[in-house]
Amino acid sequence: MSIVVELFQVTKALYDLLEKPIARESRDETIEAVRRLLLQRDELIEQLKPPYTDEEQEMGIEIVSLNETINQKLEHLKQQIQQDLKATKQKKMANQNYVNPYQAISVDGMFYDKKR
């Protein structure tokens, strides 16, 4: 099997994995699978050597179009993770303020008495 065909299969598997909705509970497993597929794809890309047949060139065009969608899906996944981290941080701060409400009192202003 040629490297281009293997690369196409790995790219297609990555595309199929990212097309499914990712539940928060299984996100870690999905990220690990994406990481493995990306590493495998990276190794195959390093092994690519021209010349290519017409069929391999067509697969290359398909790989490029799949790659654009994969990049969009990965960016969307990254944004979801960032939002979850931000929400977790806000919950943590709210919980700390609830447990110790006087801890974060700032003393950045002063009161001046105008009486003489």
N, C-alpha and C. Protein backbone atom coordinates (compact mmCIF):
# COMPACT_ATOMS: atom_id res chain seq x y z
N MET A 1 0.85 -1.17 0.00
CA MET A 1 0.00 0.00 0.00
C MET A 1 0.90 1.24 0.00
N SER A 2 0.55 2.21 -0.81
CA SER A 2 1.39 3.40 -0.91
C SER A 2 1.18 4.31 0.31
N ILE A 3 2.14 5.18 0.50
CA ILE A 3 2.10 6.12 1.62
C ILE A 3 0.90 7.06 1.50
N VAL A 4 0.59 7.46 0.26
CA VAL A 4 -0.52 8.39 0.04
C VAL A 4 -1.84 7.75 0.44
N VAL A 5 -2.00 6.47 0.13
CA VAL A 5 -3.24 5.77 0.49
C VAL A 5 -3.35 5.66 2.02
N GLU A 6 -2.24 5.32 2.67
CA GLU A 6 -2.24 5.24 4.13
C GLU A 6 -2.55 6.61 4.75
N LEU A 7 -1.94 7.65 4.18
CA LEU A 7 -2.18 9.00 4.67
C LEU A 7 -3.64 9.39 4.49
N PHE A 8 -4.23 9.02 3.37
CA PHE A 8 -5.64 9.30 3.13
C PHE A 8 -6.51 8.58 4.15
N GLN A 9 -6.19 7.32 4.44
CA GLN A 9 -6.98 6.56 5.40
C GLN A 9 -6.90 7.15 6.81
N VAL A 10 -5.71 7.56 7.21
CA VAL A 10 -5.54 8.15 8.55
C VAL A 10 -6.26 9.50 8.61
N THR A 11 -6.15 10.28 7.55
CA THR A 11 -6.82 11.58 7.50
C THR A 11 -8.33 11.40 7.54
N LYS A 12 -8.83 10.42 6.82
CA LYS A 12 -10.27 10.14 6.80
C LYS A 12 -10.73 9.68 8.19
N ALA A 13 -9.93 8.85 8.86
CA ALA A 13 -10.28 8.39 10.22
C ALA A 13 -10.33 9.58 11.18
N LEU A 14 -9.38 10.50 11.05
CA LEU A 14 -9.36 11.69 11.89
C LEU A 14 -10.58 12.56 11.60
N TYR A 15 -10.91 12.71 10.34
CA TYR A 15 -12.09 13.49 9.94
C TYR A 15 -13.36 12.87 10.52
N ASP A 16 -13.50 11.55 10.38
CA ASP A 16 -14.68 10.86 10.91
C ASP A 16 -14.79 11.00 12.43
N LEU A 17 -13.64 10.94 13.12
CA LEU A 17 -13.64 11.07 14.57
C LEU A 17 -14.10 12.46 15.00
N LEU A 18 -13.66 13.48 14.28
CA LEU A 18 -14.02 14.85 14.64
C LEU A 18 -15.42 15.24 14.19
N GLU A 19 -16.00 14.51 13.26
CA GLU A 19 -17.35 14.80 12.78
C GLU A 19 -18.41 14.43 13.81
N LYS A 20 -18.10 13.43 14.63
CA LYS A 20 -19.06 13.01 15.66
C LYS A 20 -19.10 14.06 16.76
N PRO A 21 -20.27 14.26 17.36
CA PRO A 21 -20.32 15.16 18.51
C PRO A 21 -19.49 14.58 19.67
N ILE A 22 -18.75 15.47 20.33
CA ILE A 22 -17.86 15.02 21.40
C ILE A 22 -18.51 15.37 22.74
N ALA A 23 -18.81 14.34 23.51
CA ALA A 23 -19.40 14.55 24.84
C ALA A 23 -18.30 14.96 25.81
N ARG A 24 -18.65 15.77 26.78
CA ARG A 24 -17.67 16.23 27.76
C ARG A 24 -17.06 15.07 28.54
N GLU A 25 -17.87 14.05 28.78
CA GLU A 25 -17.38 12.91 29.57
C GLU A 25 -16.32 12.11 28.81
N SER A 26 -16.43 12.05 27.50
CA SER A 26 -15.48 11.25 26.71
C SER A 26 -14.48 12.11 25.97
N ARG A 27 -14.36 13.37 26.35
CA ARG A 27 -13.47 14.28 25.62
C ARG A 27 -12.01 13.87 25.76
N ASP A 28 -11.59 13.41 26.93
CA ASP A 28 -10.20 13.02 27.12
C ASP A 28 -9.81 11.87 26.19
N GLU A 29 -10.69 10.88 26.08
CA GLU A 29 -10.40 9.75 25.20
C GLU A 29 -10.35 10.21 23.74
N THR A 30 -11.25 11.11 23.38
CA THR A 30 -11.27 11.61 22.01
C THR A 30 -10.01 12.40 21.70
N ILE A 31 -9.58 13.22 22.64
CA ILE A 31 -8.36 14.00 22.44
C ILE A 31 -7.15 13.09 22.30
N GLU A 32 -7.11 12.04 23.08
CA GLU A 32 -6.00 11.08 22.98
C GLU A 32 -6.02 10.38 21.61
N ALA A 33 -7.19 10.01 21.13
CA ALA A 33 -7.30 9.38 19.80
C ALA A 33 -6.89 10.36 18.71
N VAL A 34 -7.28 11.61 18.84
CA VAL A 34 -6.89 12.63 17.86
C VAL A 34 -5.38 12.80 17.87
N ARG A 35 -4.80 12.83 19.05
CA ARG A 35 -3.35 12.99 19.17
C ARG A 35 -2.61 11.84 18.50
N ARG A 36 -3.08 10.61 18.73
CA ARG A 36 -2.45 9.44 18.10
C ARG A 36 -2.54 9.52 16.58
N LEU A 37 -3.73 9.88 16.08
CA LEU A 37 -3.91 9.97 14.63
C LEU A 37 -3.05 11.08 14.03
N LEU A 38 -2.92 12.19 14.73
CA LEU A 38 -2.08 13.28 14.23
C LEU A 38 -0.61 12.88 14.19
N LEU A 39 -0.15 12.16 15.20
CA LEU A 39 1.23 11.68 15.21
C LEU A 39 1.47 10.69 14.07
N GLN A 40 0.52 9.79 13.87
CA GLN A 40 0.63 8.82 12.79
C GLN A 40 0.64 9.53 11.44
N ARG A 41 -0.20 10.53 11.30
CA ARG A 41 -0.27 11.27 10.05
C ARG A 41 1.01 12.06 9.81
N ASP A 42 1.59 12.61 10.87
CA ASP A 42 2.84 13.34 10.76
C ASP A 42 3.96 12.44 10.25
N GLU A 43 4.02 11.22 10.78
CA GLU A 43 5.04 10.27 10.34
C GLU A 43 4.87 9.93 8.86
N LEU A 44 3.62 9.76 8.44
CA LEU A 44 3.36 9.43 7.04
C LEU A 44 3.71 10.61 6.12
N ILE A 45 3.45 11.82 6.56
CA ILE A 45 3.77 13.00 5.74
C ILE A 45 5.28 13.11 5.54
N GLU A 46 6.05 12.77 6.58
CA GLU A 46 7.50 12.81 6.46
C GLU A 46 8.02 11.78 5.46
N GLN A 47 7.28 10.70 5.25
CA GLN A 47 7.70 9.64 4.33
C GLN A 47 7.28 9.90 2.88
N LEU A 48 6.50 10.94 2.64
CA LEU A 48 6.03 11.22 1.28
C LEU A 48 7.20 11.60 0.38
N LYS A 49 7.24 10.97 -0.80
CA LYS A 49 8.26 11.27 -1.79
C LYS A 49 7.62 11.26 -3.17
N PRO A 50 7.84 12.31 -3.98
CA PRO A 50 7.31 12.30 -5.34
C PRO A 50 8.10 11.31 -6.20
N PRO A 51 7.69 10.92 -7.30
CA PRO A 51 6.54 11.32 -8.11
C PRO A 51 5.27 10.60 -7.67
N TYR A 52 4.15 11.20 -7.99
CA TYR A 52 2.86 10.65 -7.61
C TYR A 52 2.07 10.27 -8.86
N THR A 53 1.28 9.24 -8.73
CA THR A 53 0.39 8.85 -9.83
C THR A 53 -0.81 9.80 -9.85
N ASP A 54 -1.59 9.71 -10.91
CA ASP A 54 -2.79 10.55 -11.00
C ASP A 54 -3.75 10.26 -9.86
N GLU A 55 -3.89 8.99 -9.53
CA GLU A 55 -4.79 8.61 -8.42
C GLU A 55 -4.29 9.19 -7.10
N GLU A 56 -2.98 9.15 -6.87
CA GLU A 56 -2.41 9.70 -5.64
C GLU A 56 -2.56 11.22 -5.59
N GLN A 57 -2.47 11.88 -6.74
CA GLN A 57 -2.67 13.33 -6.77
C GLN A 57 -4.11 13.68 -6.43
N GLU A 58 -5.07 12.90 -6.92
CA GLU A 58 -6.47 13.13 -6.57
C GLU A 58 -6.69 12.92 -5.07
N MET A 59 -6.06 11.88 -4.52
CA MET A 59 -6.16 11.66 -3.08
C MET A 59 -5.54 12.81 -2.31
N GLY A 60 -4.45 13.36 -2.82
CA GLY A 60 -3.80 14.50 -2.18
C GLY A 60 -4.71 15.71 -2.13
N ILE A 61 -5.45 15.95 -3.20
CA ILE A 61 -6.41 17.05 -3.23
C ILE A 61 -7.51 16.82 -2.19
N GLU A 62 -7.98 15.58 -2.11
CA GLU A 62 -9.01 15.23 -1.12
C GLU A 62 -8.46 15.38 0.30
N ILE A 63 -7.20 15.01 0.51
CA ILE A 63 -6.57 15.14 1.83
C ILE A 63 -6.51 16.61 2.23
N VAL A 64 -6.16 17.48 1.28
CA VAL A 64 -6.07 18.91 1.58
C VAL A 64 -7.45 19.47 1.97
N SER A 65 -8.49 19.05 1.23
CA SER A 65 -9.83 19.55 1.57
C SER A 65 -10.30 19.01 2.92
N LEU A 66 -10.00 17.74 3.22
CA LEU A 66 -10.35 17.18 4.52
C LEU A 66 -9.57 17.89 5.63
N ASN A 67 -8.32 18.24 5.33
CA ASN A 67 -7.48 18.90 6.32
C ASN A 67 -8.04 20.26 6.73
N GLU A 68 -8.63 20.98 5.80
CA GLU A 68 -9.24 22.28 6.13
C GLU A 68 -10.39 22.09 7.13
N THR A 69 -11.21 21.08 6.88
CA THR A 69 -12.32 20.80 7.80
C THR A 69 -11.80 20.34 9.14
N ILE A 70 -10.76 19.51 9.13
CA ILE A 70 -10.16 19.02 10.37
C ILE A 70 -9.63 20.19 11.20
N ASN A 71 -8.97 21.13 10.54
CA ASN A 71 -8.45 22.30 11.27
C ASN A 71 -9.57 23.10 11.91
N GLN A 72 -10.68 23.26 11.21
CA GLN A 72 -11.83 23.98 11.77
C GLN A 72 -12.39 23.25 12.98
N LYS A 73 -12.51 21.93 12.86
CA LYS A 73 -13.06 21.14 13.97
C LYS A 73 -12.13 21.18 15.19
N LEU A 74 -10.82 21.12 14.94
CA LEU A 74 -9.86 21.18 16.05
C LEU A 74 -9.90 22.55 16.72
N GLU A 75 -10.05 23.59 15.94
CA GLU A 75 -10.16 24.94 16.50
C GLU A 75 -11.42 25.06 17.35
N HIS A 76 -12.52 24.48 16.88
CA HIS A 76 -13.77 24.49 17.64
C HIS A 76 -13.61 23.72 18.95
N LEU A 77 -12.95 22.58 18.90
CA LEU A 77 -12.69 21.79 20.11
C LEU A 77 -11.83 22.58 21.09
N LYS A 78 -10.84 23.27 20.57
CA LYS A 78 -9.98 24.10 21.42
C LYS A 78 -10.79 25.20 22.10
N GLN A 79 -11.69 25.83 21.38
CA GLN A 79 -12.52 26.88 21.96
C GLN A 79 -13.43 26.32 23.04
N GLN A 80 -13.98 25.12 22.82
CA GLN A 80 -14.82 24.50 23.85
C GLN A 80 -14.02 24.26 25.13
N ILE A 81 -12.82 23.77 24.99
CA ILE A 81 -11.97 23.49 26.15
C ILE A 81 -11.63 24.79 26.87
N GLN A 82 -11.32 25.84 26.12
CA GLN A 82 -11.01 27.13 26.74
C GLN A 82 -12.22 27.67 27.50
N GLN A 83 -13.41 27.53 26.94
CA GLN A 83 -14.61 27.99 27.62
C GLN A 83 -14.85 27.21 28.90
N ASP A 84 -14.63 25.90 28.85
CA ASP A 84 -14.80 25.07 30.05
C ASP A 84 -13.79 25.45 31.13
N LEU A 85 -12.55 25.72 30.72
CA LEU A 85 -11.54 26.13 31.69
C LEU A 85 -11.89 27.48 32.32
N LYS A 86 -12.39 28.38 31.51
CA LYS A 86 -12.79 29.70 32.02
C LYS A 86 -13.95 29.56 33.00
N ALA A 87 -14.94 28.73 32.64
CA ALA A 87 -16.09 28.53 33.52
C ALA A 87 -15.65 27.87 34.83
N THR A 88 -14.74 26.92 34.75
CA THR A 88 -14.23 26.26 35.95
C THR A 88 -13.50 27.25 36.85
N LYS A 89 -12.72 28.12 36.24
CA LYS A 89 -11.99 29.13 37.01
C LYS A 89 -12.96 30.10 37.69
N GLN A 90 -14.01 30.50 36.98
CA GLN A 90 -14.99 31.40 37.58
C GLN A 90 -15.73 30.73 38.73
N LYS A 91 -16.07 29.45 38.56
CA LYS A 91 -16.74 28.72 39.65
C LYS A 91 -15.83 28.62 40.86
N LYS A 92 -14.56 28.39 40.62
CA LYS A 92 -13.61 28.26 41.72
C LYS A 92 -13.50 29.59 42.49
N MET A 93 -13.43 30.70 41.73
CA MET A 93 -13.34 32.00 42.38
C MET A 93 -14.63 32.31 43.14
N ALA A 94 -15.78 31.98 42.58
CA ALA A 94 -17.06 32.23 43.25
C ALA A 94 -17.15 31.40 44.52
N ASN A 95 -16.68 30.17 44.46
CA ASN A 95 -16.69 29.31 45.65
C ASN A 95 -15.78 29.87 46.73
N GLN A 96 -14.60 30.35 46.35
CA GLN A 96 -13.68 30.92 47.33
C GLN A 96 -14.28 32.17 47.96
N ASN A 97 -14.96 32.99 47.16
CA ASN A 97 -15.59 34.20 47.70
C ASN A 97 -16.75 33.85 48.63
N TYR A 98 -17.41 32.74 48.37
CA TYR A 98 -18.51 32.31 49.22
C TYR A 98 -17.98 31.79 50.55
N VAL A 99 -16.89 31.02 50.50
CA VAL A 99 -16.32 30.44 51.71
C VAL A 99 -15.69 31.52 52.58
N ASN A 100 -14.96 32.44 51.97
CA ASN A 100 -14.30 33.51 52.73
C ASN A 100 -14.60 34.84 52.04
N PRO A 101 -15.75 35.44 52.36
CA PRO A 101 -16.18 36.63 51.62
C PRO A 101 -15.32 37.87 51.86
N TYR A 102 -14.55 37.92 52.95
CA TYR A 102 -13.78 39.12 53.26
C TYR A 102 -12.32 39.00 52.84
N GLN A 103 -11.97 37.94 52.18
CA GLN A 103 -10.59 37.73 51.78
C GLN A 103 -10.18 38.69 50.67
N ALA A 104 -11.05 38.98 49.74
CA ALA A 104 -10.69 39.76 48.56
C ALA A 104 -11.08 41.22 48.67
N ILE A 105 -11.11 41.74 49.86
CA ILE A 105 -11.46 43.16 50.02
C ILE A 105 -10.26 43.99 49.60
N SER A 106 -10.51 44.94 48.70
CA SER A 106 -9.42 45.78 48.24
C SER A 106 -9.46 47.11 48.99
N VAL A 107 -8.30 47.63 49.25
CA VAL A 107 -8.18 48.89 49.96
C VAL A 107 -7.54 49.87 48.99
N ASP A 108 -8.23 50.15 47.91
CA ASP A 108 -7.65 51.00 46.89
C ASP A 108 -8.17 52.43 46.95
N GLY A 109 -9.06 52.74 47.85
CA GLY A 109 -9.58 54.09 47.95
C GLY A 109 -9.50 54.58 49.38
N MET A 110 -9.63 55.87 49.52
CA MET A 110 -9.59 56.45 50.86
C MET A 110 -10.76 57.42 50.98
N PHE A 111 -11.12 57.68 52.22
CA PHE A 111 -12.16 58.65 52.49
C PHE A 111 -11.50 59.87 53.13
N TYR A 112 -11.76 61.03 52.58
CA TYR A 112 -11.23 62.27 53.14
C TYR A 112 -12.37 63.04 53.81
N ASP A 113 -12.15 63.41 55.03
CA ASP A 113 -13.12 64.19 55.77
C ASP A 113 -12.86 65.66 55.46
N LYS A 114 -13.88 66.38 55.00
CA LYS A 114 -13.67 67.76 54.59
C LYS A 114 -13.90 68.74 55.75
N LYS A 115 -14.20 68.25 56.93
CA LYS A 115 -14.40 69.15 58.07
C LYS A 115 -13.04 69.63 58.57
N ARG A 116 -13.02 70.86 59.08
CA ARG A 116 -11.78 71.38 59.65
C ARG A 116 -11.93 71.68 61.08
